[in-house]
Amino acid sequence: MNGISPLDELNDLKSAASWMLTTITEYEKGSVNRKDTSDLAKKALKKIKRYVPNDNEKITYEAILDLCVSLTTIDRALGNFEKFYLESLKEELDNIIAN
């Protein structure tokens, strides 16, 4: 596993979204495999669950949790579904980062 580092400190939810987007990009490049990506996402999910969102982040918090849970299942996305799955995740993460 040389293409991505684990989610370190979580100071805001946009950094978690950026980390997930980077993780997906590295996965698509082949820098990290399915299992490692899933394992990293599971570790990140634990950190996100411990994060206490401020009032402005409450809606985003639920979306980030859902997206991270989805990323943990990347090891199950196969074939044509994988492309749709990754594009959908990236689109949602881009929307969170942009807002």
PDB file of N, CA and C in Angstrom:
ATOM      1  N   MET A   1       0.857  -1.164   0.000  1.00  0.00           N
ATOM      2  CA  MET A   1       0.000   0.000   0.000  1.00  0.00           C
ATOM      3  C   MET A   1       0.901   1.224   0.000  1.00  0.00           C
ATOM      4  N   ASN A   2       1.143   1.784  -1.163  1.00  0.00           N
ATOM      5  CA  ASN A   2       2.034   2.915  -1.234  1.00  0.00           C
ATOM      6  C   ASN A   2       1.389   4.155  -1.813  1.00  0.00           C
ATOM      7  N   GLY A   3       0.169   4.090  -2.280  1.00  0.00           N
ATOM      8  CA  GLY A   3      -0.438   5.213  -2.962  1.00  0.00           C
ATOM      9  C   GLY A   3      -1.231   6.153  -2.106  1.00  0.00           C
ATOM     10  N   ILE A   4      -1.590   5.778  -0.923  1.00  0.00           N
ATOM     11  CA  ILE A   4      -2.455   6.615  -0.091  1.00  0.00           C
ATOM     12  C   ILE A   4      -2.115   6.420   1.373  1.00  0.00           C
ATOM     13  N   SER A   5      -2.243   7.477   2.135  1.00  0.00           N
ATOM     14  CA  SER A   5      -2.035   7.343   3.571  1.00  0.00           C
ATOM     15  C   SER A   5      -3.390   7.387   4.275  1.00  0.00           C
ATOM     16  N   PRO A   6      -3.440   6.855   5.464  1.00  0.00           N
ATOM     17  CA  PRO A   6      -4.701   6.853   6.200  1.00  0.00           C
ATOM     18  C   PRO A   6      -5.150   8.271   6.535  1.00  0.00           C
ATOM     19  N   LEU A   7      -6.429   8.415   6.789  1.00  0.00           N
ATOM     20  CA  LEU A   7      -6.981   9.690   7.238  1.00  0.00           C
ATOM     21  C   LEU A   7      -6.385   9.985   8.607  1.00  0.00           C
ATOM     22  N   ASP A   8      -5.632  11.060   8.691  1.00  0.00           N
ATOM     23  CA  ASP A   8      -4.998  11.405   9.965  1.00  0.00           C
ATOM     24  C   ASP A   8      -5.984  12.176  10.830  1.00  0.00           C
ATOM     25  N   GLU A   9      -5.651  13.360  11.160  1.00  0.00           N
ATOM     26  CA  GLU A   9      -6.541  14.173  11.987  1.00  0.00           C
ATOM     27  C   GLU A   9      -7.740  14.604  11.171  1.00  0.00           C
ATOM     28  N   LEU A  10      -8.854  14.660  11.840  1.00  0.00           N
ATOM     29  CA  LEU A  10     -10.093  15.074  11.190  1.00  0.00           C
ATOM     30  C   LEU A  10     -10.542  16.371  11.849  1.00  0.00           C
ATOM     31  N   ASN A  11     -10.265  17.489  11.176  1.00  0.00           N
ATOM     32  CA  ASN A  11     -10.619  18.795  11.722  1.00  0.00           C
ATOM     33  C   ASN A  11     -11.905  19.345  11.140  1.00  0.00           C
ATOM     34  N   ASP A  12     -12.274  18.851   9.984  1.00  0.00           N
ATOM     35  CA  ASP A  12     -13.535  19.250   9.363  1.00  0.00           C
ATOM     36  C   ASP A  12     -13.950  18.168   8.365  1.00  0.00           C
ATOM     37  N   LEU A  13     -15.205  18.216   7.975  1.00  0.00           N
ATOM     38  CA  LEU A  13     -15.737  17.163   7.108  1.00  0.00           C
ATOM     39  C   LEU A  13     -15.261  17.279   5.660  1.00  0.00           C
ATOM     40  N   LYS A  14     -14.929  18.479   5.226  1.00  0.00           N
ATOM     41  CA  LYS A  14     -14.423  18.627   3.864  1.00  0.00           C
ATOM     42  C   LYS A  14     -13.083  17.917   3.708  1.00  0.00           C
ATOM     43  N   SER A  15     -12.286  17.892   4.764  1.00  0.00           N
ATOM     44  CA  SER A  15     -11.014  17.170   4.674  1.00  0.00           C
ATOM     45  C   SER A  15     -11.255  15.673   4.559  1.00  0.00           C
ATOM     46  N   ALA A  16     -12.292  15.171   5.213  1.00  0.00           N
ATOM     47  CA  ALA A  16     -12.643  13.754   5.078  1.00  0.00           C
ATOM     48  C   ALA A  16     -13.115  13.460   3.653  1.00  0.00           C
ATOM     49  N   ALA A  17     -13.921  14.375   3.095  1.00  0.00           N
ATOM     50  CA  ALA A  17     -14.395  14.200   1.723  1.00  0.00           C
ATOM     51  C   ALA A  17     -13.218  14.237   0.747  1.00  0.00           C
ATOM     52  N   SER A  18     -12.290  15.145   0.959  1.00  0.00           N
ATOM     53  CA  SER A  18     -11.103  15.237   0.099  1.00  0.00           C
ATOM     54  C   SER A  18     -10.263  13.969   0.193  1.00  0.00           C
ATOM     55  N   TRP A  19     -10.122  13.452   1.408  1.00  0.00           N
ATOM     56  CA  TRP A  19      -9.363  12.221   1.602  1.00  0.00           C
ATOM     57  C   TRP A  19     -10.024  11.071   0.839  1.00  0.00           C
ATOM     58  N   MET A  20     -11.348  10.960   0.936  1.00  0.00           N
ATOM     59  CA  MET A  20     -12.045   9.885   0.223  1.00  0.00           C
ATOM     60  C   MET A  20     -11.887  10.035  -1.286  1.00  0.00           C
ATOM     61  N   LEU A  21     -11.975  11.257  -1.781  1.00  0.00           N
ATOM     62  CA  LEU A  21     -11.816  11.502  -3.209  1.00  0.00           C
ATOM     63  C   LEU A  21     -10.408  11.119  -3.668  1.00  0.00           C
ATOM     64  N   THR A  22      -9.412  11.481  -2.895  1.00  0.00           N
ATOM     65  CA  THR A  22      -8.031  11.105  -3.208  1.00  0.00           C
ATOM     66  C   THR A  22      -7.858   9.595  -3.188  1.00  0.00           C
ATOM     67  N   THR A  23      -8.477   8.952  -2.220  1.00  0.00           N
ATOM     68  CA  THR A  23      -8.397   7.499  -2.105  1.00  0.00           C
ATOM     69  C   THR A  23      -8.993   6.822  -3.339  1.00  0.00           C
ATOM     70  N   ILE A  24     -10.135   7.319  -3.789  1.00  0.00           N
ATOM     71  CA  ILE A  24     -10.765   6.758  -4.991  1.00  0.00           C
ATOM     72  C   ILE A  24      -9.870   6.973  -6.212  1.00  0.00           C
ATOM     73  N   THR A  25      -9.302   8.155  -6.325  1.00  0.00           N
ATOM     74  CA  THR A  25      -8.414   8.460  -7.450  1.00  0.00           C
ATOM     75  C   THR A  25      -7.208   7.529  -7.457  1.00  0.00           C
ATOM     76  N   GLU A  26      -6.612   7.326  -6.307  1.00  0.00           N
ATOM     77  CA  GLU A  26      -5.456   6.426  -6.211  1.00  0.00           C
ATOM     78  C   GLU A  26      -5.853   4.982  -6.521  1.00  0.00           C
ATOM     79  N   TYR A  27      -7.037   4.587  -6.093  1.00  0.00           N
ATOM     80  CA  TYR A  27      -7.537   3.251  -6.413  1.00  0.00           C
ATOM     81  C   TYR A  27      -7.680   3.101  -7.926  1.00  0.00           C
ATOM     82  N   GLU A  28      -8.267   4.110  -8.579  1.00  0.00           N
ATOM     83  CA  GLU A  28      -8.456   4.056 -10.019  1.00  0.00           C
ATOM     84  C   GLU A  28      -7.119   4.015 -10.774  1.00  0.00           C
ATOM     85  N   LYS A  29      -6.102   4.646 -10.216  1.00  0.00           N
ATOM     86  CA  LYS A  29      -4.769   4.625 -10.828  1.00  0.00           C
ATOM     87  C   LYS A  29      -4.068   3.289 -10.614  1.00  0.00           C
ATOM     88  N   GLY A  30      -4.578   2.499  -9.681  1.00  0.00           N
ATOM     89  CA  GLY A  30      -3.947   1.222  -9.374  1.00  0.00           C
ATOM     90  C   GLY A  30      -2.894   1.319  -8.287  1.00  0.00           C
ATOM     91  N   SER A  31      -2.810   2.468  -7.613  1.00  0.00           N
ATOM     92  CA  SER A  31      -1.821   2.655  -6.552  1.00  0.00           C
ATOM     93  C   SER A  31      -2.167   1.890  -5.282  1.00  0.00           C
ATOM     94  N   VAL A  32      -3.434   1.551  -5.140  1.00  0.00           N
ATOM     95  CA  VAL A  32      -3.903   0.818  -3.971  1.00  0.00           C
ATOM     96  C   VAL A  32      -4.968  -0.174  -4.442  1.00  0.00           C
ATOM     97  N   ASN A  33      -4.982  -1.355  -3.843  1.00  0.00           N
ATOM     98  CA  ASN A  33      -5.938  -2.369  -4.301  1.00  0.00           C
ATOM     99  C   ASN A  33      -7.269  -2.274  -3.544  1.00  0.00           C
ATOM    100  N   ARG A  34      -8.216  -3.094  -3.952  1.00  0.00           N
ATOM    101  CA  ARG A  34      -9.565  -3.076  -3.353  1.00  0.00           C
ATOM    102  C   ARG A  34      -9.549  -3.290  -1.850  1.00  0.00           C
ATOM    103  N   LYS A  35      -8.859  -4.324  -1.428  1.00  0.00           N
ATOM    104  CA  LYS A  35      -8.859  -4.679  -0.010  1.00  0.00           C
ATOM    105  C   LYS A  35      -8.242  -3.567   0.831  1.00  0.00           C
ATOM    106  N   ASP A  36      -7.106  -3.038   0.384  1.00  0.00           N
ATOM    107  CA  ASP A  36      -6.462  -1.961   1.134  1.00  0.00           C
ATOM    108  C   ASP A  36      -7.327  -0.705   1.165  1.00  0.00           C
ATOM    109  N   THR A  37      -7.984  -0.415   0.055  1.00  0.00           N
ATOM    110  CA  THR A  37      -8.880   0.740   0.005  1.00  0.00           C
ATOM    111  C   THR A  37     -10.017   0.559   0.992  1.00  0.00           C
ATOM    112  N   SER A  38     -10.602  -0.612   1.004  1.00  0.00           N
ATOM    113  CA  SER A  38     -11.686  -0.912   1.933  1.00  0.00           C
ATOM    114  C   SER A  38     -11.211  -0.813   3.385  1.00  0.00           C
ATOM    115  N   ASP A  39     -10.037  -1.363   3.659  1.00  0.00           N
ATOM    116  CA  ASP A  39      -9.491  -1.311   5.025  1.00  0.00           C
ATOM    117  C   ASP A  39      -9.223   0.117   5.475  1.00  0.00           C
ATOM    118  N   LEU A  40      -8.664   0.931   4.581  1.00  0.00           N
ATOM    119  CA  LEU A  40      -8.421   2.344   4.911  1.00  0.00           C
ATOM    120  C   LEU A  40      -9.734   3.081   5.171  1.00  0.00           C
ATOM    121  N   ALA A  41     -10.739   2.788   4.367  1.00  0.00           N
ATOM    122  CA  ALA A  41     -12.046   3.428   4.546  1.00  0.00           C
ATOM    123  C   ALA A  41     -12.680   3.013   5.875  1.00  0.00           C
ATOM    124  N   LYS A  42     -12.490   1.780   6.285  1.00  0.00           N
ATOM    125  CA  LYS A  42     -13.039   1.322   7.567  1.00  0.00           C
ATOM    126  C   LYS A  42     -12.379   2.060   8.732  1.00  0.00           C
ATOM    127  N   LYS A  43     -11.073   2.280   8.622  1.00  0.00           N
ATOM    128  CA  LYS A  43     -10.373   3.038   9.665  1.00  0.00           C
ATOM    129  C   LYS A  43     -10.840   4.491   9.673  1.00  0.00           C
ATOM    130  N   ALA A  44     -11.015   5.056   8.497  1.00  0.00           N
ATOM    131  CA  ALA A  44     -11.498   6.437   8.394  1.00  0.00           C
ATOM    132  C   ALA A  44     -12.913   6.549   8.954  1.00  0.00           C
ATOM    133  N   LEU A  45     -13.739   5.546   8.697  1.00  0.00           N
ATOM    134  CA  LEU A  45     -15.110   5.556   9.196  1.00  0.00           C
ATOM    135  C   LEU A  45     -15.140   5.636  10.718  1.00  0.00           C
ATOM    136  N   LYS A  46     -14.252   4.926  11.370  1.00  0.00           N
ATOM    137  CA  LYS A  46     -14.183   4.999  12.839  1.00  0.00           C
ATOM    138  C   LYS A  46     -13.873   6.411  13.296  1.00  0.00           C
ATOM    139  N   LYS A  47     -12.964   7.084  12.613  1.00  0.00           N
ATOM    140  CA  LYS A  47     -12.611   8.457  12.972  1.00  0.00           C
ATOM    141  C   LYS A  47     -13.780   9.402  12.707  1.00  0.00           C
ATOM    142  N   ILE A  48     -14.450   9.200  11.599  1.00  0.00           N
ATOM    143  CA  ILE A  48     -15.586  10.057  11.250  1.00  0.00           C
ATOM    144  C   ILE A  48     -16.715   9.879  12.256  1.00  0.00           C
ATOM    145  N   LYS A  49     -16.951   8.657  12.697  1.00  0.00           N
ATOM    146  CA  LYS A  49     -18.006   8.415  13.693  1.00  0.00           C
ATOM    147  C   LYS A  49     -17.702   9.121  15.011  1.00  0.00           C
ATOM    148  N   ARG A  50     -16.419   9.265  15.340  1.00  0.00           N
ATOM    149  CA  ARG A  50     -16.041   9.949  16.585  1.00  0.00           C
ATOM    150  C   ARG A  50     -16.062  11.471  16.452  1.00  0.00           C
ATOM    151  N   TYR A  51     -16.086  11.951  15.225  1.00  0.00           N
ATOM    152  CA  TYR A  51     -16.068  13.389  14.979  1.00  0.00           C
ATOM    153  C   TYR A  51     -17.389  14.024  15.418  1.00  0.00           C
ATOM    154  N   VAL A  52     -17.302  15.145  16.087  1.00  0.00           N
ATOM    155  CA  VAL A  52     -18.494  15.871  16.526  1.00  0.00           C
ATOM    156  C   VAL A  52     -18.679  17.073  15.593  1.00  0.00           C
ATOM    157  N   PRO A  53     -19.697  17.009  14.739  1.00  0.00           N
ATOM    158  CA  PRO A  53     -19.892  18.099  13.783  1.00  0.00           C
ATOM    159  C   PRO A  53     -20.459  19.347  14.455  1.00  0.00           C
ATOM    160  N   ASN A  54     -20.091  20.514  13.908  1.00  0.00           N
ATOM    161  CA  ASN A  54     -20.712  21.737  14.407  1.00  0.00           C
ATOM    162  C   ASN A  54     -22.085  21.861  13.757  1.00  0.00           C
ATOM    163  N   ASP A  55     -22.836  22.872  14.140  1.00  0.00           N
ATOM    164  CA  ASP A  55     -24.213  23.015  13.645  1.00  0.00           C
ATOM    165  C   ASP A  55     -24.296  23.094  12.122  1.00  0.00           C
ATOM    166  N   ASN A  56     -23.312  23.724  11.498  1.00  0.00           N
ATOM    167  CA  ASN A  56     -23.326  23.871  10.040  1.00  0.00           C
ATOM    168  C   ASN A  56     -22.981  22.573   9.317  1.00  0.00           C
ATOM    169  N   GLU A  57     -22.413  21.603  10.020  1.00  0.00           N
ATOM    170  CA  GLU A  57     -21.959  20.360   9.394  1.00  0.00           C
ATOM    171  C   GLU A  57     -22.897  19.174   9.605  1.00  0.00           C
ATOM    172  N   LYS A  58     -23.976  19.353  10.326  1.00  0.00           N
ATOM    173  CA  LYS A  58     -24.812  18.201  10.692  1.00  0.00           C
ATOM    174  C   LYS A  58     -25.361  17.441   9.488  1.00  0.00           C
ATOM    175  N   ILE A  59     -25.841  18.142   8.482  1.00  0.00           N
ATOM    176  CA  ILE A  59     -26.374  17.464   7.294  1.00  0.00           C
ATOM    177  C   ILE A  59     -25.234  16.812   6.516  1.00  0.00           C
ATOM    178  N   THR A  60     -24.136  17.536   6.387  1.00  0.00           N
ATOM    179  CA  THR A  60     -22.970  17.002   5.688  1.00  0.00           C
ATOM    180  C   THR A  60     -22.411  15.785   6.410  1.00  0.00           C
ATOM    181  N   TYR A  61     -22.478  15.788   7.722  1.00  0.00           N
ATOM    182  CA  TYR A  61     -21.957  14.675   8.519  1.00  0.00           C
ATOM    183  C   TYR A  61     -22.635  13.361   8.127  1.00  0.00           C
ATOM    184  N   GLU A  62     -23.939  13.379   8.025  1.00  0.00           N
ATOM    185  CA  GLU A  62     -24.668  12.160   7.647  1.00  0.00           C
ATOM    186  C   GLU A  62     -24.271  11.696   6.244  1.00  0.00           C
ATOM    187  N   ALA A  63     -24.117  12.652   5.337  1.00  0.00           N
ATOM    188  CA  ALA A  63     -23.726  12.302   3.963  1.00  0.00           C
ATOM    189  C   ALA A  63     -22.317  11.711   3.936  1.00  0.00           C
ATOM    190  N   ILE A  64     -21.395  12.303   4.685  1.00  0.00           N
ATOM    191  CA  ILE A  64     -20.017  11.797   4.748  1.00  0.00           C
ATOM    192  C   ILE A  64     -20.000  10.386   5.332  1.00  0.00           C
ATOM    193  N   LEU A  65     -20.776  10.171   6.386  1.00  0.00           N
ATOM    194  CA  LEU A  65     -20.858   8.824   6.964  1.00  0.00           C
ATOM    195  C   LEU A  65     -21.329   7.821   5.923  1.00  0.00           C
ATOM    196  N   ASP A  66     -22.402   8.151   5.214  1.00  0.00           N
ATOM    197  CA  ASP A  66     -22.948   7.249   4.197  1.00  0.00           C
ATOM    198  C   ASP A  66     -21.941   6.967   3.089  1.00  0.00           C
ATOM    199  N   LEU A  67     -21.250   8.016   2.647  1.00  0.00           N
ATOM    200  CA  LEU A  67     -20.270   7.842   1.575  1.00  0.00           C
ATOM    201  C   LEU A  67     -19.081   7.006   2.029  1.00  0.00           C
ATOM    202  N   CYS A  68     -18.675   7.194   3.267  1.00  0.00           N
ATOM    203  CA  CYS A  68     -17.551   6.401   3.776  1.00  0.00           C
ATOM    204  C   CYS A  68     -17.958   4.937   3.935  1.00  0.00           C
ATOM    205  N   VAL A  69     -19.174   4.702   4.381  1.00  0.00           N
ATOM    206  CA  VAL A  69     -19.673   3.328   4.461  1.00  0.00           C
ATOM    207  C   VAL A  69     -19.660   2.711   3.063  1.00  0.00           C
ATOM    208  N   SER A  70     -20.091   3.471   2.075  1.00  0.00           N
ATOM    209  CA  SER A  70     -20.065   2.976   0.695  1.00  0.00           C
ATOM    210  C   SER A  70     -18.645   2.656   0.251  1.00  0.00           C
ATOM    211  N   LEU A  71     -17.706   3.519   0.611  1.00  0.00           N
ATOM    212  CA  LEU A  71     -16.316   3.281   0.226  1.00  0.00           C
ATOM    213  C   LEU A  71     -15.757   2.019   0.880  1.00  0.00           C
ATOM    214  N   THR A  72     -16.238   1.680   2.052  1.00  0.00           N
ATOM    215  CA  THR A  72     -15.761   0.459   2.707  1.00  0.00           C
ATOM    216  C   THR A  72     -16.157  -0.790   1.933  1.00  0.00           C
ATOM    217  N   THR A  73     -17.167  -0.661   1.077  1.00  0.00           N
ATOM    218  CA  THR A  73     -17.646  -1.827   0.318  1.00  0.00           C
ATOM    219  C   THR A  73     -17.062  -1.886  -1.095  1.00  0.00           C
ATOM    220  N   ILE A  74     -16.033  -1.101  -1.348  1.00  0.00           N
ATOM    221  CA  ILE A  74     -15.436  -1.067  -2.680  1.00  0.00           C
ATOM    222  C   ILE A  74     -14.948  -2.454  -3.122  1.00  0.00           C
ATOM    223  N   ASP A  75     -14.618  -3.276  -2.166  1.00  0.00           N
ATOM    224  CA  ASP A  75     -14.136  -4.616  -2.503  1.00  0.00           C
ATOM    225  C   ASP A  75     -15.236  -5.491  -3.109  1.00  0.00           C
ATOM    226  N   ARG A  76     -16.478  -5.024  -3.067  1.00  0.00           N
ATOM    227  CA  ARG A  76     -17.586  -5.796  -3.645  1.00  0.00           C
ATOM    228  C   ARG A  76     -18.044  -5.264  -4.994  1.00  0.00           C
ATOM    229  N   ALA A  77     -17.541  -4.100  -5.394  1.00  0.00           N
ATOM    230  CA  ALA A  77     -17.951  -3.495  -6.664  1.00  0.00           C
ATOM    231  C   ALA A  77     -17.152  -4.124  -7.804  1.00  0.00           C
ATOM    232  N   LEU A  78     -17.855  -4.788  -8.678  1.00  0.00           N
ATOM    233  CA  LEU A  78     -17.191  -5.499  -9.769  1.00  0.00           C
ATOM    234  C   LEU A  78     -17.791  -5.135 -11.119  1.00  0.00           C
ATOM    235  N   GLY A  79     -16.994  -5.296 -12.141  1.00  0.00           N
ATOM    236  CA  GLY A  79     -17.472  -5.140 -13.515  1.00  0.00           C
ATOM    237  C   GLY A  79     -18.001  -3.748 -13.824  1.00  0.00           C
ATOM    238  N   ASN A  80     -19.077  -3.706 -14.600  1.00  0.00           N
ATOM    239  CA  ASN A  80     -19.673  -2.435 -15.010  1.00  0.00           C
ATOM    240  C   ASN A  80     -20.173  -1.631 -13.822  1.00  0.00           C
ATOM    241  N   PHE A  81     -20.595  -2.316 -12.782  1.00  0.00           N
ATOM    242  CA  PHE A  81     -21.101  -1.618 -11.604  1.00  0.00           C
ATOM    243  C   PHE A  81     -20.005  -0.789 -10.948  1.00  0.00           C
ATOM    244  N   GLU A  82     -18.765  -1.273 -10.993  1.00  0.00           N
ATOM    245  CA  GLU A  82     -17.665  -0.564 -10.345  1.00  0.00           C
ATOM    246  C   GLU A  82     -17.517   0.851 -10.892  1.00  0.00           C
ATOM    247  N   LYS A  83     -17.571   1.008 -12.205  1.00  0.00           N
ATOM    248  CA  LYS A  83     -17.427   2.339 -12.807  1.00  0.00           C
ATOM    249  C   LYS A  83     -18.545   3.262 -12.340  1.00  0.00           C
ATOM    250  N   PHE A  84     -19.783   2.794 -12.391  1.00  0.00           N
ATOM    251  CA  PHE A  84     -20.924   3.586 -11.933  1.00  0.00           C
ATOM    252  C   PHE A  84     -20.772   3.937 -10.453  1.00  0.00           C
ATOM    253  N   TYR A  85     -20.389   2.971  -9.669  1.00  0.00           N
ATOM    254  CA  TYR A  85     -20.215   3.116  -8.225  1.00  0.00           C
ATOM    255  C   TYR A  85     -19.181   4.197  -7.906  1.00  0.00           C
ATOM    256  N   LEU A  86     -18.030   4.130  -8.550  1.00  0.00           N
ATOM    257  CA  LEU A  86     -16.965   5.101  -8.303  1.00  0.00           C
ATOM    258  C   LEU A  86     -17.351   6.493  -8.796  1.00  0.00           C
ATOM    259  N   GLU A  87     -17.967   6.578  -9.944  1.00  0.00           N
ATOM    260  CA  GLU A  87     -18.391   7.882 -10.468  1.00  0.00           C
ATOM    261  C   GLU A  87     -19.422   8.519  -9.554  1.00  0.00           C
ATOM    262  N   SER A  88     -20.336   7.730  -9.048  1.00  0.00           N
ATOM    263  CA  SER A  88     -21.360   8.229  -8.136  1.00  0.00           C
ATOM    264  C   SER A  88     -20.730   8.760  -6.841  1.00  0.00           C
ATOM    265  N   LEU A  89     -19.803   7.990  -6.283  1.00  0.00           N
ATOM    266  CA  LEU A  89     -19.111   8.433  -5.067  1.00  0.00           C
ATOM    267  C   LEU A  89     -18.350   9.735  -5.318  1.00  0.00           C
ATOM    268  N   LYS A  90     -17.632   9.801  -6.421  1.00  0.00           N
ATOM    269  CA  LYS A  90     -16.843  11.000  -6.730  1.00  0.00           C
ATOM    270  C   LYS A  90     -17.746  12.223  -6.911  1.00  0.00           C
ATOM    271  N   GLU A  91     -18.871  12.037  -7.568  1.00  0.00           N
ATOM    272  CA  GLU A  91     -19.803  13.144  -7.781  1.00  0.00           C
ATOM    273  C   GLU A  91     -20.327  13.686  -6.449  1.00  0.00           C
ATOM    274  N   GLU A  92     -20.736  12.794  -5.579  1.00  0.00           N
ATOM    275  CA  GLU A  92     -21.235  13.214  -4.264  1.00  0.00           C
ATOM    276  C   GLU A  92     -20.144  13.910  -3.450  1.00  0.00           C
ATOM    277  N   LEU A  93     -18.942  13.375  -3.478  1.00  0.00           N
ATOM    278  CA  LEU A  93     -17.835  13.990  -2.738  1.00  0.00           C
ATOM    279  C   LEU A  93     -17.477  15.360  -3.307  1.00  0.00           C
ATOM    280  N   ASP A  94     -17.481  15.484  -4.631  1.00  0.00           N
ATOM    281  CA  ASP A  94     -17.218  16.773  -5.254  1.00  0.00           C
ATOM    282  C   ASP A  94     -18.254  17.810  -4.818  1.00  0.00           C
ATOM    283  N   ASN A  95     -19.503  17.398  -4.737  1.00  0.00           N
ATOM    284  CA  ASN A  95     -20.579  18.318  -4.304  1.00  0.00           C
ATOM    285  C   ASN A  95     -20.356  18.781  -2.873  1.00  0.00           C
ATOM    286  N   ILE A  96     -19.935  17.886  -2.014  1.00  0.00           N
ATOM    287  CA  ILE A  96     -19.687  18.247  -0.613  1.00  0.00           C
ATOM    288  C   ILE A  96     -18.499  19.216  -0.509  1.00  0.00           C
ATOM    289  N   ILE A  97     -17.450  18.931  -1.247  1.00  0.00           N
ATOM    290  CA  ILE A  97     -16.269  19.779  -1.217  1.00  0.00           C
ATOM    291  C   ILE A  97     -16.578  21.174  -1.765  1.00  0.00           C
ATOM    292  N   ALA A  98     -17.400  21.238  -2.813  1.00  0.00           N
ATOM    293  CA  ALA A  98     -17.719  22.512  -3.451  1.00  0.00           C
ATOM    294  C   ALA A  98     -18.605  23.408  -2.586  1.00  0.00           C
ATOM    295  N   ASN A  99     -19.377  22.818  -1.713  1.00  0.00           N
ATOM    296  CA  ASN A  99     -20.322  23.623  -0.898  1.00  0.00           C
ATOM    297  C   ASN A  99     -19.789  23.976   0.438  1.00  0.00           C
TER     298      ASN A  99
END
